[in-house]
Amino acid sequence: MKKPYAKETICIQSGWKPGNGEPRVLPIYQTTTYKYDTSEQMGRLFDLEEDGYFYTRLQNPTNDCVAQKICELEGGVAAMLTSSGQAANYYAVFNICEAGSHVVLSSTVYGGTFNLIAVTMKKMGISCTIVDPDADYETLCQAFQENTRCVLAETIANPALVVLDIEKFAKAAHAHQVPLIVDNTFATPINCNPFKWGADIVTHSTTKYMDGHAMCVGGAIVDSGNFDWSLYPEKFPGLCEPDDSYHGIIYAEKFGKEAYIRKATVQLMRDLGSIQSPQNAFLLNVGLETLHLRMPRHCENAMKVASFLENHEKVAWVNYPGLKSSKYYELACKYMPNGTCGVISFGLKGGRHAAEIMMDKLELAAIVTHVADARTCVLHPASHTHRQMNDEQLKEAGVNPDLIRFSVGIENAEDIIADLEQALAAI
């Protein structure tokens, strides 16, 4: 058969490879520990001289199979699962940053990610400069400093739905000898492969479309293997200098293209422990098996709902990259020609008060913190996910006070529209 397989086949077949007489479905390795016959072999595992499992906080067979599937979908060389999308973004940055480092951060990233980098990691001595993702290349380059170690952005911003010009950001990052980290949660690898356009590391909140059923929290990090850490040892000492906690191993030398993920696994996961549970990894794998079927339906339904809202007299504005009226339509066609995501943002002519009335009247769509799963749901970010931001920060993040985040599910599109219609009638 032809290889590499298409994404549809990877969603179903990749990861778990059962041998003769083994379970056809990925097993849940619900164990913390693994037995070995000799002390010497266990010692080699702890010295990273031999591959294997010795404690689930670092690695687990169920998790590794699911990580491998996500890795293949993204076209990377190595991947790991984390306990949440927040943990994935934290590990992705902290793996190459330390006190005194600097991060270039897109202003429109998810509010929780913004708070993680701009507030919490600031307390750890890691600073950041906030940049407008729509800024031109020259303006973007002005944000870099001598101590910059990475750039972090989202393919489709949550909830601003800004489509990232990946090539522009990659060019700027590489011109300053640092990697571009892209959170690909909303687009998923079904609709966008950031590595194709120059991104170096991809993160996911697998809690969203990958799981698809609001059952399990999780995250993932995938490394493209394209960034050569050894070229810039002074910038990335954690990868290019001996690690005393592993008898002086130099990750870039010992593990080559897998150095970044290996370090994150054996060092950060060892010390910080944000492991995804095997049970959650199993549920995530079930979701991944239908990801290629669900994403087109999410996009198809979202397009119908966005068109309805765009033509409704009580709606002030609609933001959906699939609409030709969107300022990001051309970028969406370039990076995501088969569709973007199922999330729409819009505002009502009656402002914030009207938004609250409409949301309370919805019957099919539920008001929940979650986004991007099979069920249609709605949220008012300024009051909920982004409430830690002040008005100026909200504006920078593309979150207006009247912005409604509407996550279109895979129900019948006409039923979703009918629910919106009756709720809007109540205003």
Protein backbone atom coordinates (compact mmCIF):
# COMPACT_ATOMS: atom_id res chain seq x y z
CA MET A 1 0.00 0.00 0.00
CA LYS A 2 1.05 3.59 -0.53
CA LYS A 3 2.74 5.42 2.32
CA PRO A 4 2.52 7.86 3.94
CA TYR A 5 -1.17 7.25 4.40
CA ALA A 6 -3.85 9.91 3.93
CA LYS A 7 -5.12 11.64 7.05
CA GLU A 8 -8.34 9.66 7.02
CA THR A 9 -6.34 6.44 7.23
CA ILE A 10 -3.99 7.83 9.89
CA CYS A 11 -6.98 8.76 12.08
CA ILE A 12 -8.13 5.14 12.04
CA GLN A 13 -4.99 3.04 11.69
CA SER A 14 -2.05 4.92 13.19
CA GLY A 15 -0.64 4.62 16.68
CA TRP A 16 -1.56 1.20 18.01
CA LYS A 17 -0.15 -1.65 15.91
CA PRO A 18 -1.50 -4.94 17.33
CA GLY A 19 0.58 -8.06 16.87
CA ASN A 20 -0.69 -11.58 16.37
CA GLY A 21 -3.35 -12.35 18.96
CA GLU A 22 -3.20 -8.90 20.55
CA PRO A 23 -6.25 -6.61 21.12
CA ARG A 24 -7.51 -4.96 17.95
CA VAL A 25 -8.47 -1.81 19.89
CA LEU A 26 -5.86 0.27 21.72
CA PRO A 27 -5.68 -1.06 25.32
CA ILE A 28 -5.73 1.17 28.38
CA TYR A 29 -2.47 0.55 30.19
CA GLN A 30 -3.91 1.55 33.56
CA THR A 31 -0.69 1.14 35.49
CA THR A 32 1.81 3.37 37.20
CA THR A 33 4.78 1.00 37.11
CA TYR A 34 6.53 -1.58 34.92
CA LYS A 35 8.45 -4.69 35.93
CA TYR A 36 12.00 -5.55 34.86
CA ASP A 37 14.07 -8.64 35.57
CA THR A 38 17.35 -6.96 36.48
CA SER A 39 18.47 -3.88 38.37
CA GLU A 40 20.96 -3.18 35.60
CA GLN A 41 18.25 -2.84 32.97
CA MET A 42 16.25 -0.48 35.20
CA GLY A 43 19.39 1.59 35.65
CA ARG A 44 19.86 1.89 31.89
CA LEU A 45 16.31 3.19 31.59
CA PHE A 46 16.96 5.88 34.19
CA ASP A 47 20.18 6.85 32.40
CA LEU A 48 18.31 7.15 29.07
CA GLU A 49 20.61 4.50 27.62
CA GLU A 50 17.70 2.24 26.74
CA ASP A 51 14.12 2.87 25.61
CA GLY A 52 11.29 1.53 27.73
CA TYR A 53 8.74 2.34 30.40
CA PHE A 54 9.51 2.68 34.07
CA TYR A 55 6.91 5.11 35.43
CA THR A 56 3.72 6.43 33.86
CA ARG A 57 4.43 10.01 34.97
CA LEU A 58 7.00 10.07 32.17
CA GLN A 59 5.57 7.70 29.58
CA ASN A 60 2.77 5.20 29.12
CA PRO A 61 2.10 2.86 26.15
CA THR A 62 -1.49 4.08 25.68
CA ASN A 63 -0.37 7.71 25.67
CA ASP A 64 2.52 7.05 23.33
CA CYS A 65 0.29 5.38 20.74
CA VAL A 66 -2.07 8.36 20.72
CA ALA A 67 0.82 10.83 20.59
CA GLN A 68 2.21 8.95 17.60
CA LYS A 69 -1.12 9.29 15.79
CA ILE A 70 -1.21 13.05 16.38
CA CYS A 71 2.44 13.26 15.32
CA GLU A 72 1.67 11.56 12.01
CA LEU A 73 -1.37 13.77 11.40
CA GLU A 74 0.80 16.87 11.84
CA GLY A 75 3.75 15.45 9.90
CA GLY A 76 6.17 15.73 12.82
CA VAL A 77 9.02 13.57 14.10
CA ALA A 78 8.03 13.25 17.77
CA ALA A 79 5.13 14.12 20.03
CA MET A 80 3.95 13.89 23.62
CA LEU A 81 0.65 14.17 25.47
CA THR A 82 0.05 16.48 28.42
CA SER A 83 -2.72 16.80 30.97
CA SER A 84 -4.26 19.85 29.25
CA GLY A 85 -3.77 22.34 26.45
CA GLN A 86 -2.49 24.83 29.01
CA ALA A 87 0.16 22.33 30.09
CA ALA A 88 1.11 21.78 26.44
CA ASN A 89 1.69 25.49 25.83
CA TYR A 90 3.55 25.85 29.14
CA TYR A 91 5.86 22.92 28.42
CA ALA A 92 6.37 24.00 24.81
CA VAL A 93 7.69 27.39 25.92
CA PHE A 94 9.40 26.42 29.18
CA ASN A 95 11.30 23.61 27.45
CA ILE A 96 13.47 26.25 25.76
CA CYS A 97 13.06 29.23 28.10
CA GLU A 98 14.36 30.01 31.57
CA ALA A 99 14.60 33.04 33.86
CA GLY A 100 15.87 35.90 31.74
CA SER A 101 14.35 34.62 28.49
CA HIS A 102 11.88 36.52 26.32
CA VAL A 103 8.89 35.40 24.26
CA VAL A 104 7.18 37.12 21.33
CA LEU A 105 3.45 36.51 21.84
CA SER A 106 0.55 37.11 19.47
CA SER A 107 -1.97 39.43 21.14
CA THR A 108 -4.98 37.38 20.04
CA VAL A 109 -4.11 34.05 21.67
CA TYR A 110 -6.68 32.46 23.96
CA GLY A 111 -7.11 34.38 27.22
CA GLY A 112 -5.78 31.53 29.35
CA THR A 113 -2.65 31.30 27.21
CA PHE A 114 -2.19 35.08 27.36
CA ASN A 115 -2.42 34.96 31.16
CA LEU A 116 0.00 32.02 31.32
CA ILE A 117 2.72 33.81 29.33
CA ALA A 118 2.16 37.45 30.27
CA VAL A 119 1.36 37.01 33.97
CA THR A 120 2.34 33.64 35.43
CA MET A 121 5.57 33.07 33.49
CA LYS A 122 6.52 36.69 34.12
CA LYS A 123 6.76 35.72 37.81
CA MET A 124 9.26 33.06 36.74
CA GLY A 125 11.48 35.68 35.13
CA ILE A 126 10.32 35.08 31.54
CA SER A 127 9.20 38.29 29.83
CA CYS A 128 7.15 38.74 26.68
CA THR A 129 6.35 41.34 24.05
CA ILE A 130 2.80 41.36 22.72
CA VAL A 131 2.45 41.72 18.94
CA ASP A 132 -0.49 42.31 16.65
CA PRO A 133 -0.73 39.25 14.35
CA ASP A 134 -1.77 41.60 11.54
CA ALA A 135 1.38 43.71 11.89
CA ASP A 136 3.65 43.89 8.87
CA TYR A 137 6.94 42.00 8.83
CA GLU A 138 9.12 44.98 9.77
CA THR A 139 6.92 45.86 12.75
CA LEU A 140 6.88 42.25 13.85
CA CYS A 141 10.67 42.08 13.79
CA GLN A 142 10.89 45.05 16.16
CA ALA A 143 9.45 42.87 18.93
CA PHE A 144 12.48 40.59 19.04
CA GLN A 145 15.22 41.04 21.63
CA GLU A 146 18.64 39.51 22.26
CA ASN A 147 17.08 37.15 24.80
CA THR A 148 14.09 36.11 22.65
CA ARG A 149 13.82 32.32 22.58
CA CYS A 150 10.53 31.61 20.76
CA VAL A 151 7.39 33.01 19.15
CA LEU A 152 3.93 31.76 20.16
CA ALA A 153 0.73 32.23 18.15
CA GLU A 154 -2.46 30.39 17.10
CA THR A 155 -3.45 29.30 13.61
CA ILE A 156 -7.00 30.49 14.32
CA ALA A 157 -7.25 32.70 17.39
CA ASN A 158 -9.73 31.82 20.12
CA PRO A 159 -12.15 33.66 20.11
CA ALA A 160 -11.04 36.49 17.79
CA LEU A 161 -10.78 34.06 14.82
CA VAL A 162 -7.74 35.87 13.48
CA VAL A 163 -6.05 33.66 10.89
CA LEU A 164 -2.29 33.67 11.40
CA ASP A 165 0.00 34.45 8.48
CA ILE A 166 2.21 31.48 9.36
CA GLU A 167 4.85 32.16 6.72
CA LYS A 168 5.30 35.75 7.90
CA PHE A 169 5.70 34.70 11.53
CA ALA A 170 8.01 31.82 10.62
CA LYS A 171 10.20 34.12 8.53
CA ALA A 172 10.51 36.59 11.41
CA ALA A 173 11.24 33.87 13.97
CA HIS A 174 13.90 32.22 11.83
CA ALA A 175 15.51 35.54 10.97
CA HIS A 176 16.09 35.90 14.70
CA GLN A 177 17.23 32.28 15.15
CA VAL A 178 14.29 31.11 17.24
CA PRO A 179 11.44 28.63 16.63
CA LEU A 180 7.82 29.41 15.87
CA ILE A 181 5.37 27.60 18.16
CA VAL A 182 1.83 27.43 16.79
CA ASP A 183 -1.28 26.35 18.68
CA ASN A 184 -3.29 24.48 16.04
CA THR A 185 -6.28 23.61 18.24
CA PHE A 186 -9.08 25.21 16.21
CA ALA A 187 -7.94 24.21 12.73
CA THR A 188 -6.70 20.72 13.72
CA PRO A 189 -4.29 18.89 11.40
CA ILE A 190 -7.29 17.98 9.24
CA ASN A 191 -7.59 21.58 8.04
CA CYS A 192 -4.09 22.98 8.56
CA ASN A 193 -0.55 21.67 8.83
CA PRO A 194 1.57 24.56 10.18
CA PHE A 195 4.83 22.65 9.55
CA LYS A 196 4.16 22.95 5.83
CA TRP A 197 4.36 26.72 6.16
CA GLY A 198 7.44 26.99 8.37
CA ALA A 199 6.22 26.45 11.94
CA ASP A 200 8.61 24.43 14.09
CA ILE A 201 6.49 23.20 16.99
CA VAL A 202 2.74 22.65 17.18
CA THR A 203 0.58 22.44 20.29
CA HIS A 204 -3.01 21.35 20.79
CA SER A 205 -5.69 21.45 23.39
CA THR A 206 -6.88 17.94 22.55
CA THR A 207 -9.85 18.74 24.80
CA LYS A 208 -11.46 20.44 21.81
CA TYR A 209 -12.05 18.97 18.34
CA MET A 210 -9.62 16.08 18.73
CA ASP A 211 -11.63 14.62 21.60
CA GLY A 212 -14.77 16.07 20.07
CA HIS A 213 -17.20 14.95 22.76
CA ALA A 214 -16.29 17.07 25.82
CA MET A 215 -15.22 13.96 27.72
CA CYS A 216 -11.52 14.39 28.50
CA VAL A 217 -9.10 17.24 29.13
CA GLY A 218 -5.74 16.92 27.43
CA GLY A 219 -2.98 18.51 25.39
CA ALA A 220 -0.29 17.58 22.90
CA ILE A 221 3.04 18.92 21.64
CA VAL A 222 4.46 17.94 18.25
CA ASP A 223 7.96 18.77 17.02
CA SER A 224 8.64 19.11 13.29
CA GLY A 225 12.29 18.19 13.76
CA ASN A 226 13.21 21.05 11.40
CA PHE A 227 14.73 23.50 13.88
CA ASP A 228 18.43 22.75 14.42
CA TRP A 229 19.04 23.63 18.08
CA SER A 230 22.74 22.81 17.80
CA LEU A 231 23.28 25.83 15.53
CA TYR A 232 22.46 28.18 18.42
CA PRO A 233 23.93 26.62 21.58
CA GLU A 234 24.12 29.97 23.36
CA LYS A 235 20.35 30.45 22.92
CA PHE A 236 19.32 26.92 23.87
CA PRO A 237 21.72 25.65 26.55
CA GLY A 238 19.09 23.26 27.89
CA LEU A 239 19.31 21.29 24.67
CA CYS A 240 22.96 21.91 23.81
CA GLU A 241 24.74 21.70 27.16
CA PRO A 242 25.11 18.70 29.54
CA ASP A 243 22.16 17.87 31.78
CA ASP A 244 23.66 17.00 35.16
CA SER A 245 20.45 15.26 36.24
CA TYR A 246 21.12 12.64 33.54
CA HIS A 247 24.90 12.25 33.93
CA GLY A 248 25.75 14.99 31.45
CA ILE A 249 23.59 13.98 28.51
CA ILE A 250 23.42 16.59 25.74
CA TYR A 251 19.96 16.17 24.21
CA ALA A 252 20.74 17.70 20.81
CA GLU A 253 23.67 15.31 20.38
CA LYS A 254 22.12 12.15 21.75
CA PHE A 255 18.60 12.39 20.33
CA GLY A 256 19.00 14.48 17.18
CA LYS A 257 15.69 15.53 15.69
CA GLU A 258 13.80 14.11 18.69
CA ALA A 259 15.83 16.13 21.20
CA TYR A 260 13.11 18.69 21.97
CA ILE A 261 10.38 16.17 22.83
CA ARG A 262 12.81 13.89 24.65
CA LYS A 263 13.90 16.74 26.91
CA ALA A 264 10.31 17.80 27.56
CA THR A 265 9.43 14.22 28.48
CA VAL A 266 12.36 13.16 30.66
CA GLN A 267 12.96 16.54 32.28
CA LEU A 268 9.77 18.63 32.42
CA MET A 269 7.35 15.73 32.80
CA ARG A 270 9.65 14.16 35.37
CA ASP A 271 9.74 17.34 37.47
CA LEU A 272 6.33 18.92 36.83
CA GLY A 273 4.22 15.83 36.16
CA SER A 274 1.40 17.12 33.93
CA ILE A 275 0.79 13.70 32.42
CA GLN A 276 -2.40 12.83 30.57
CA SER A 277 -4.14 9.86 32.20
CA PRO A 278 -4.21 6.64 30.12
CA GLN A 279 -8.01 6.63 30.41
CA ASN A 280 -8.20 10.10 28.87
CA ALA A 281 -5.72 9.13 26.16
CA PHE A 282 -7.94 6.16 25.29
CA LEU A 283 -11.00 8.42 25.00
CA LEU A 284 -8.99 10.90 22.95
CA ASN A 285 -8.06 8.14 20.53
CA VAL A 286 -11.75 7.30 20.05
CA GLY A 287 -12.34 10.94 19.14
CA LEU A 288 -9.40 11.04 16.75
CA GLU A 289 -10.83 8.13 14.79
CA THR A 290 -13.69 10.35 13.58
CA LEU A 291 -11.88 13.69 13.44
CA HIS A 292 -11.64 13.55 9.64
CA LEU A 293 -15.42 13.04 9.43
CA ARG A 294 -16.43 15.66 11.99
CA MET A 295 -14.32 18.61 10.89
CA PRO A 296 -15.92 18.97 7.43
CA ARG A 297 -19.38 18.86 9.05
CA HIS A 298 -18.40 21.50 11.63
CA CYS A 299 -17.17 23.77 8.84
CA GLU A 300 -20.20 23.14 6.61
CA ASN A 301 -22.61 23.93 9.46
CA ALA A 302 -20.63 26.97 10.57
CA MET A 303 -20.70 28.40 7.08
CA LYS A 304 -24.52 28.09 6.95
CA VAL A 305 -24.90 29.66 10.40
CA ALA A 306 -22.47 32.49 9.61
CA SER A 307 -24.36 33.29 6.40
CA PHE A 308 -27.64 33.36 8.32
CA LEU A 309 -26.24 35.71 10.97
CA GLU A 310 -24.62 37.96 8.39
CA ASN A 311 -28.04 38.62 6.86
CA HIS A 312 -29.99 39.05 10.11
CA GLU A 313 -31.26 42.54 10.90
CA LYS A 314 -30.40 42.34 14.62
CA VAL A 315 -26.81 41.26 14.07
CA ALA A 316 -24.24 44.08 13.98
CA TRP A 317 -21.28 42.08 12.71
CA VAL A 318 -20.11 38.52 12.03
CA ASN A 319 -16.56 37.20 12.03
CA TYR A 320 -15.95 33.86 10.34
CA PRO A 321 -12.88 33.27 8.15
CA GLY A 322 -14.92 31.25 5.66
CA LEU A 323 -17.04 34.28 4.73
CA LYS A 324 -15.84 36.31 1.77
CA SER A 325 -16.55 39.41 3.84
CA SER A 326 -13.92 38.36 6.40
CA LYS A 327 -10.61 40.23 6.35
CA TYR A 328 -8.97 36.84 6.84
CA TYR A 329 -10.71 35.12 3.93
CA GLU A 330 -7.62 35.12 1.68
CA LEU A 331 -5.33 33.83 4.43
CA ALA A 332 -7.90 31.14 5.23
CA CYS A 333 -7.98 30.07 1.58
CA LYS A 334 -4.18 29.90 1.55
CA TYR A 335 -3.57 27.99 4.76
CA MET A 336 -6.90 26.15 5.15
CA PRO A 337 -8.45 25.66 1.72
CA ASN A 338 -10.72 22.84 2.91
CA GLY A 339 -12.24 24.78 5.79
CA THR A 340 -11.24 26.53 8.99
CA CYS A 341 -13.23 25.54 12.08
CA GLY A 342 -16.75 25.47 13.48
CA VAL A 343 -16.45 28.55 15.67
CA ILE A 344 -18.09 31.89 14.81
CA SER A 345 -17.92 35.20 16.64
CA PHE A 346 -20.58 37.87 16.24
CA GLY A 347 -22.12 40.88 17.95
CA LEU A 348 -25.65 42.23 18.21
CA LYS A 349 -26.87 45.74 17.51
CA GLY A 350 -28.23 45.83 21.05
CA GLY A 351 -24.76 45.34 22.48
CA ARG A 352 -23.80 43.37 25.55
CA HIS A 353 -27.26 43.43 27.13
CA ALA A 354 -28.86 42.04 23.98
CA ALA A 355 -26.22 39.31 23.88
CA GLU A 356 -27.14 38.21 27.40
CA ILE A 357 -30.86 38.09 26.52
CA MET A 358 -30.26 36.09 23.36
CA MET A 359 -27.95 33.59 25.04
CA ASP A 360 -30.42 32.95 27.84
CA LYS A 361 -33.15 32.19 25.27
CA LEU A 362 -31.17 29.55 23.36
CA GLU A 363 -32.56 26.06 23.77
CA LEU A 364 -30.41 23.78 21.62
CA ALA A 365 -27.14 25.65 22.13
CA ALA A 366 -25.87 25.48 25.71
CA ILE A 367 -23.97 28.18 27.61
CA VAL A 368 -20.74 26.40 28.58
CA THR A 369 -17.07 27.20 29.09
CA HIS A 370 -16.18 24.59 26.52
CA VAL A 371 -15.82 25.07 22.78
CA ALA A 372 -15.26 22.94 19.69
CA ASP A 373 -17.08 19.69 20.26
CA ALA A 374 -19.97 17.83 18.66
CA ARG A 375 -22.64 19.87 20.48
CA THR A 376 -23.42 23.48 19.68
CA CYS A 377 -22.50 25.82 22.51
CA VAL A 378 -22.14 29.51 23.21
CA LEU A 379 -20.08 31.80 25.44
CA HIS A 380 -19.59 35.50 26.17
CA PRO A 381 -15.76 35.73 26.45
CA ALA A 382 -15.56 39.19 28.03
CA SER A 383 -17.67 37.88 30.91
CA HIS A 384 -16.17 34.41 31.09
CA THR A 385 -12.90 33.12 29.54
CA HIS A 386 -11.30 36.58 29.16
CA ARG A 387 -12.68 38.28 32.27
CA GLN A 388 -9.13 38.58 33.72
CA MET A 389 -8.26 41.08 30.97
CA ASN A 390 -8.82 44.81 31.20
CA ASP A 391 -10.55 46.75 28.42
CA GLU A 392 -7.27 47.60 26.68
CA GLN A 393 -6.11 43.97 26.74
CA LEU A 394 -9.51 42.82 25.49
CA LYS A 395 -9.21 45.20 22.56
CA GLU A 396 -5.70 43.93 21.76
CA ALA A 397 -7.00 40.37 21.88
CA GLY A 398 -9.80 41.19 19.45
CA VAL A 399 -12.48 40.58 22.07
CA ASN A 400 -15.14 43.29 22.01
CA PRO A 401 -17.55 43.55 24.98
CA ASP A 402 -20.41 42.41 22.73
CA LEU A 403 -18.53 39.44 21.19
CA ILE A 404 -20.43 36.17 21.30
CA ARG A 405 -18.43 32.99 20.67
CA PHE A 406 -20.72 30.49 18.97
CA SER A 407 -19.34 26.99 18.53
CA VAL A 408 -21.33 25.21 15.84
CA GLY A 409 -21.77 21.49 16.41
CA ILE A 410 -22.56 18.66 14.04
CA GLU A 411 -26.32 18.65 14.57
CA ASN A 412 -28.68 19.48 11.70
CA ALA A 413 -27.77 22.98 10.55
CA GLU A 414 -31.39 24.05 10.12
CA ASP A 415 -32.11 23.14 13.75
CA ILE A 416 -29.18 25.27 14.91
CA ILE A 417 -30.37 28.20 12.81
CA ALA A 418 -33.94 27.82 14.07
CA ASP A 419 -32.68 28.00 17.66
CA LEU A 420 -30.78 31.19 16.90
CA GLU A 421 -33.80 32.65 15.12
CA GLN A 422 -36.14 32.17 18.07
CA ALA A 423 -33.54 33.51 20.52
CA LEU A 424 -32.93 36.61 18.41
CA ALA A 425 -36.68 37.19 18.23
CA ALA A 426 -36.71 37.65 22.01
CA ILE A 427 -34.55 40.78 21.83
